[in-house]
Amino acid sequence: MMDTFTEQLEVRQNTSKDITKLIIYLLLIFAVPGICILLGVTVNFYFIVVAVCAFFFAVYASYYLVTGLYVEYEYAVTNSNITVDKISGKRSRKRIISVDIKRFNSLAKLKDSDVSKKSYRKIFKASITPDGDDVFAAEMHLDKFGGDCLLLFSPNQKTLDAMMPHLRNNIRLELKKAGFDISKSNRQVKTDTVKTNTTKTVTTKTDTTKADTAKAVTTKVDTAKADTAKTDTAKVDTAKADTAKVDTAKADTAKTDAAKTNTAKNTNTNKSKKKKSNKKK
């Protein structure tokens, strides 16, 4: 089965509450160098030096706070797993949650759900707006947090399509009743099944081919060994035959030499007898 991956990046919309907090923080930060300047004029000039240092610190802190308001949420769906990260000021990334989609007990738009009537051990906030029409609520039970948890996020249609095949049937039916198109997810399930069966078939054919190749190689090796053994046996038999021939030749030579020796002895014996006969006469 081929891996599926979908990524979505959304920018959080700041509310009036966020802007109010920022203004309060900035006033408090710049109040420190202001107070130091006042003390430097009225009490001791030393506070002027402190005020200058505090001012530079306030400028840096202000920059950090202002850029920190720019928050992005990244939703990444890999097969049946969804990962949600928070990116603050394009400088830091924090993992909010990573969970198997199959663990979702429910998934619906926040305005159509009854999550406000329930209590949760942990609420993961990762939506574009706090309670807008784009916000979805996903309920799940996580042992890590000791109970039911809630994920608030804003998936687009592409992300929802990637999640659909891994959602429980009752959740998909509820989404269908709410007007969502789940036909793409059905096709995705069928496609994944076909891909899986094709992969199994190809794997089976590959394994069969490998087995046949291995048998053929083994047969060739056995045949080669048998031929080698026959060749070695023939060589041994030839060597034995050559040795027998040599031994026979040596035996014949020995017999010939013995016959010649006997003939020579008989000749010498006859000559001796003739000499003795001549002497007697």
Protein backbone atom coordinates (compact mmCIF):
# COMPACT_ATOMS: atom_id res chain seq x y z
CA MET A 1 0.00 0.00 0.00
CA MET A 2 1.38 3.40 -0.99
CA ASP A 3 1.78 6.08 1.68
CA THR A 4 -0.52 9.11 1.49
CA PHE A 5 0.56 12.53 2.71
CA THR A 6 -1.34 15.82 2.91
CA GLU A 7 -0.15 19.05 4.45
CA GLN A 8 -2.12 22.21 5.29
CA LEU A 9 -0.78 25.48 6.68
CA GLU A 10 -3.17 28.04 8.18
CA VAL A 11 -2.58 31.43 9.83
CA ARG A 12 -4.46 32.09 13.06
CA GLN A 13 -6.67 35.14 13.07
CA ASN A 14 -5.95 37.36 16.07
CA THR A 15 -8.93 38.44 18.14
CA SER A 16 -9.52 41.70 19.97
CA LYS A 17 -8.56 39.88 23.15
CA ASP A 18 -5.12 39.10 21.71
CA ILE A 19 -4.60 42.72 20.65
CA THR A 20 -5.66 43.97 24.10
CA LYS A 21 -3.16 41.66 25.81
CA LEU A 22 -0.39 42.87 23.51
CA ILE A 23 -1.10 46.53 24.27
CA ILE A 24 -1.09 45.88 28.02
CA TYR A 25 2.23 44.01 27.82
CA LEU A 26 3.81 46.82 25.75
CA LEU A 27 2.66 49.49 28.21
CA LEU A 28 4.10 47.55 31.14
CA ILE A 29 7.41 46.96 29.32
CA PHE A 30 7.93 50.60 28.36
CA ALA A 31 6.79 51.76 31.78
CA VAL A 32 10.02 50.44 33.29
CA PRO A 33 12.43 52.75 31.38
CA GLY A 34 9.96 55.63 31.87
CA ILE A 35 10.02 55.19 35.64
CA CYS A 36 13.83 54.90 35.59
CA ILE A 37 14.12 58.20 33.68
CA LEU A 38 11.84 59.91 36.21
CA LEU A 39 13.94 58.57 39.07
CA GLY A 40 17.12 59.68 37.31
CA VAL A 41 15.87 63.26 37.07
CA THR A 42 14.46 63.49 40.59
CA VAL A 43 16.57 61.09 42.68
CA ASN A 44 19.85 59.92 41.16
CA PHE A 45 21.42 60.28 37.74
CA TYR A 46 22.41 56.59 37.94
CA PHE A 47 18.82 55.64 37.04
CA ILE A 48 19.30 57.29 33.63
CA VAL A 49 21.84 54.58 32.74
CA VAL A 50 19.40 51.92 33.93
CA ALA A 51 16.66 53.53 31.87
CA VAL A 52 18.75 53.32 28.68
CA CYS A 53 19.39 49.60 29.24
CA ALA A 54 15.73 49.02 30.07
CA PHE A 55 14.68 50.85 26.92
CA PHE A 56 16.75 48.59 24.63
CA PHE A 57 15.37 45.57 26.44
CA ALA A 58 11.83 46.91 25.99
CA VAL A 59 12.41 47.35 22.23
CA TYR A 60 13.58 43.74 21.88
CA ALA A 61 10.74 42.43 24.04
CA SER A 62 8.21 44.40 22.01
CA TYR A 63 9.54 42.95 18.75
CA TYR A 64 9.34 39.45 20.22
CA LEU A 65 5.75 39.95 21.41
CA VAL A 66 4.51 41.57 18.18
CA THR A 67 5.99 38.90 15.92
CA GLY A 68 4.74 36.26 18.34
CA LEU A 69 1.19 37.23 17.42
CA TYR A 70 1.79 35.75 13.97
CA VAL A 71 0.85 32.12 14.60
CA GLU A 72 0.54 29.35 12.01
CA TYR A 73 -0.96 25.89 12.41
CA GLU A 74 0.29 23.01 10.33
CA TYR A 75 -1.90 19.93 9.82
CA ALA A 76 -0.07 16.94 8.33
CA VAL A 77 -1.95 13.72 7.50
CA THR A 78 0.27 10.72 6.84
CA ASN A 79 -1.80 7.59 6.16
CA SER A 80 -4.00 7.29 9.29
CA ASN A 81 -1.97 9.66 11.48
CA ILE A 82 -2.57 13.38 11.89
CA THR A 83 0.02 15.74 13.34
CA VAL A 84 -0.72 19.31 14.42
CA ASP A 85 2.13 21.79 14.99
CA LYS A 86 2.11 25.40 16.14
CA ILE A 87 4.59 27.80 14.50
CA SER A 88 5.06 31.11 16.32
CA GLY A 89 6.60 34.09 14.55
CA LYS A 90 8.13 31.77 11.93
CA ARG A 91 10.92 31.05 14.42
CA SER A 92 9.72 28.29 16.73
CA ARG A 93 7.72 25.09 16.21
CA LYS A 94 5.80 23.25 18.90
CA ARG A 95 4.06 19.90 18.55
CA ILE A 96 0.47 20.18 19.75
CA ILE A 97 -0.69 16.64 19.09
CA SER A 98 0.02 13.56 17.00
CA VAL A 99 -2.71 10.95 17.01
CA ASP A 100 -4.15 8.10 14.96
CA ILE A 101 -7.32 9.24 13.19
CA LYS A 102 -8.90 5.87 13.94
CA ARG A 103 -8.99 6.90 17.62
CA PHE A 104 -11.48 9.70 16.89
CA ASN A 105 -14.80 9.05 18.64
CA SER A 106 -16.49 11.93 16.83
CA LEU A 107 -15.73 14.62 14.27
CA ALA A 108 -18.07 17.48 13.48
CA LYS A 109 -18.22 21.22 13.09
CA LEU A 110 -17.94 22.96 16.44
CA LYS A 111 -21.25 24.78 16.02
CA ASP A 112 -23.03 21.46 15.29
CA SER A 113 -21.48 19.52 18.19
CA ASP A 114 -22.32 19.34 21.87
CA VAL A 115 -18.75 19.61 23.16
CA SER A 116 -19.62 22.69 25.19
CA LYS A 117 -21.74 20.48 27.44
CA LYS A 118 -18.88 18.09 28.18
CA SER A 119 -15.68 18.27 30.17
CA TYR A 120 -12.30 17.12 28.88
CA ARG A 121 -8.98 16.31 30.43
CA LYS A 122 -7.15 18.20 27.69
CA ILE A 123 -8.24 20.61 24.94
CA PHE A 124 -5.88 21.12 21.98
CA LYS A 125 -6.58 24.48 20.34
CA ALA A 126 -5.32 24.76 16.76
CA SER A 127 -8.11 26.51 14.85
CA ILE A 128 -7.95 29.62 12.67
CA THR A 129 -10.67 31.29 14.73
CA PRO A 130 -11.87 30.39 18.24
CA ASP A 131 -15.43 29.47 17.29
CA GLY A 132 -15.92 30.26 13.61
CA ASP A 133 -17.67 28.22 10.94
CA ASP A 134 -14.34 26.70 9.90
CA VAL A 135 -13.68 25.06 13.29
CA PHE A 136 -14.03 21.29 13.66
CA ALA A 137 -14.14 19.42 16.95
CA ALA A 138 -12.63 15.94 17.23
CA GLU A 139 -13.22 13.90 20.38
CA MET A 140 -10.90 11.07 21.40
CA HIS A 141 -9.83 9.08 24.43
CA LEU A 142 -6.12 9.30 25.18
CA ASP A 143 -4.64 7.23 27.99
CA LYS A 144 -1.64 9.56 28.06
CA PHE A 145 -3.86 12.33 29.47
CA GLY A 146 -6.06 10.00 31.47
CA GLY A 147 -9.39 10.50 29.72
CA ASP A 148 -11.31 12.20 26.94
CA CYS A 149 -9.59 14.96 24.97
CA LEU A 150 -10.74 17.49 22.41
CA LEU A 151 -8.99 18.80 19.29
CA LEU A 152 -10.17 22.08 17.77
CA PHE A 153 -8.76 22.66 14.28
CA SER A 154 -9.68 24.01 10.83
CA PRO A 155 -9.08 21.36 8.15
CA ASN A 156 -9.79 22.23 4.53
CA GLN A 157 -11.48 19.88 2.05
CA LYS A 158 -8.20 18.29 0.97
CA THR A 159 -7.28 17.43 4.56
CA LEU A 160 -10.78 16.09 5.24
CA ASP A 161 -10.56 13.89 2.11
CA ALA A 162 -7.26 12.47 3.37
CA MET A 163 -8.80 11.74 6.77
CA MET A 164 -12.07 10.23 5.56
CA PRO A 165 -10.85 6.68 4.72
CA HIS A 166 -9.52 6.28 8.27
CA LEU A 167 -12.57 7.59 10.15
CA ARG A 168 -15.07 5.22 11.72
CA ASN A 169 -18.14 4.42 9.65
CA ASN A 170 -20.54 6.15 12.07
CA ILE A 171 -18.48 9.37 11.89
CA ARG A 172 -18.47 9.29 8.10
CA LEU A 173 -22.22 8.78 8.04
CA GLU A 174 -22.72 11.76 10.38
CA LEU A 175 -20.55 13.91 8.13
CA LYS A 176 -22.55 12.77 5.12
CA LYS A 177 -25.77 13.76 6.86
CA ALA A 178 -24.21 17.15 7.59
CA GLY A 179 -23.70 17.68 3.86
CA PHE A 180 -20.08 16.64 3.37
CA ASP A 181 -19.04 14.75 0.26
CA ILE A 182 -17.47 11.44 1.27
CA SER A 183 -17.45 9.90 -2.24
CA LYS A 184 -13.76 10.72 -2.64
CA SER A 185 -12.98 8.83 0.52
CA ASN A 186 -14.90 5.80 -0.78
CA ARG A 187 -12.91 5.88 -4.00
CA GLN A 188 -9.76 6.27 -1.95
CA VAL A 189 -10.60 3.14 0.06
CA LYS A 190 -11.23 1.16 -3.13
CA THR A 191 -8.03 2.49 -4.70
CA ASP A 192 -6.02 1.55 -1.63
CA THR A 193 -7.54 -1.95 -1.71
CA VAL A 194 -6.65 -2.37 -5.38
CA LYS A 195 -3.13 -1.10 -4.73
CA THR A 196 -2.78 -3.53 -1.84
CA ASN A 197 -4.00 -6.51 -3.91
CA THR A 198 -1.75 -5.49 -6.81
CA THR A 199 1.20 -5.24 -4.47
CA LYS A 200 0.46 -8.69 -3.06
CA THR A 201 0.17 -10.16 -6.58
CA VAL A 202 3.42 -8.58 -7.71
CA THR A 203 5.12 -9.76 -4.54
CA THR A 204 3.81 -13.32 -5.08
CA LYS A 205 5.00 -13.33 -8.70
CA THR A 206 8.36 -11.98 -7.65
CA ASP A 207 8.72 -14.61 -4.94
CA THR A 208 7.72 -17.37 -7.42
CA THR A 209 10.23 -16.09 -9.98
CA LYS A 210 12.93 -15.98 -7.33
CA ALA A 211 12.08 -19.53 -6.24
CA ASP A 212 12.16 -20.81 -9.83
CA THR A 213 15.44 -19.02 -10.44
CA ALA A 214 16.88 -20.49 -7.27
CA LYS A 215 15.77 -24.00 -8.30
CA ALA A 216 17.26 -23.54 -11.77
CA VAL A 217 20.54 -22.32 -10.32
CA THR A 218 20.58 -25.22 -7.85
CA THR A 219 19.90 -27.70 -10.66
CA LYS A 220 22.70 -26.21 -12.75
CA VAL A 221 25.06 -26.37 -9.79
CA ASP A 222 24.12 -30.01 -9.08
CA THR A 223 24.57 -30.88 -12.77
CA ALA A 224 27.93 -29.15 -12.84
CA LYS A 225 29.00 -31.05 -9.70
CA ALA A 226 27.85 -34.36 -11.23
CA ASP A 227 29.75 -33.63 -14.45
CA THR A 228 32.81 -32.68 -12.45
CA ALA A 229 32.54 -35.91 -10.42
CA LYS A 230 32.23 -37.98 -13.63
CA THR A 231 35.23 -36.19 -15.12
CA ASP A 232 37.27 -36.82 -11.98
CA THR A 233 36.23 -40.52 -11.98
CA ALA A 234 37.18 -40.86 -15.65
CA LYS A 235 40.53 -39.25 -14.95
CA VAL A 236 41.15 -41.63 -12.05
CA ASP A 237 40.19 -44.67 -14.19
CA THR A 238 42.47 -43.43 -17.00
CA ALA A 239 45.30 -42.94 -14.53
CA LYS A 240 44.77 -46.48 -13.19
CA ALA A 241 44.73 -47.89 -16.71
CA ASP A 242 47.93 -46.04 -17.58
CA THR A 243 49.53 -47.32 -14.39
CA ALA A 244 48.47 -50.93 -15.23
CA LYS A 245 49.94 -50.55 -18.71
CA VAL A 246 53.21 -49.27 -17.27
CA ASP A 247 53.32 -52.15 -14.79
CA THR A 248 52.63 -54.67 -17.60
CA ALA A 249 55.36 -53.11 -19.74
CA LYS A 250 57.77 -53.27 -16.83
CA ALA A 251 56.86 -56.95 -16.25
CA ASP A 252 57.36 -57.79 -19.94
CA THR A 253 60.70 -55.97 -19.91
CA ALA A 254 61.74 -57.90 -16.81
CA LYS A 255 60.77 -61.21 -18.46
CA THR A 256 62.73 -60.31 -21.60
CA ASP A 257 65.75 -59.37 -19.53
CA ALA A 258 65.49 -62.66 -17.62
CA ALA A 259 65.27 -64.63 -20.87
CA LYS A 260 68.30 -62.84 -22.23
CA THR A 261 70.18 -63.55 -19.02
CA ASN A 262 69.29 -67.28 -19.20
CA THR A 263 70.33 -67.43 -22.85
CA ALA A 264 73.62 -65.79 -22.02
CA LYS A 265 74.25 -68.28 -19.20
CA ASN A 266 73.46 -71.28 -21.46
CA THR A 267 75.80 -69.91 -24.10
CA ASN A 268 78.60 -69.50 -21.61
CA THR A 269 77.99 -73.01 -20.24
CA ASN A 270 78.21 -74.57 -23.72
CA LYS A 271 81.41 -72.71 -24.45
CA SER A 272 82.95 -74.00 -21.22
CA LYS A 273 82.04 -77.59 -22.09
CA LYS A 274 83.60 -77.30 -25.54
CA LYS A 275 86.86 -75.98 -24.08
CA LYS A 276 87.03 -78.88 -21.64
CA SER A 277 86.44 -81.38 -24.46
CA ASN A 278 89.22 -79.87 -26.54
CA LYS A 279 91.66 -80.04 -23.63
CA LYS A 280 90.99 -83.77 -23.10
CA LYS A 281 91.68 -84.54 -26.71
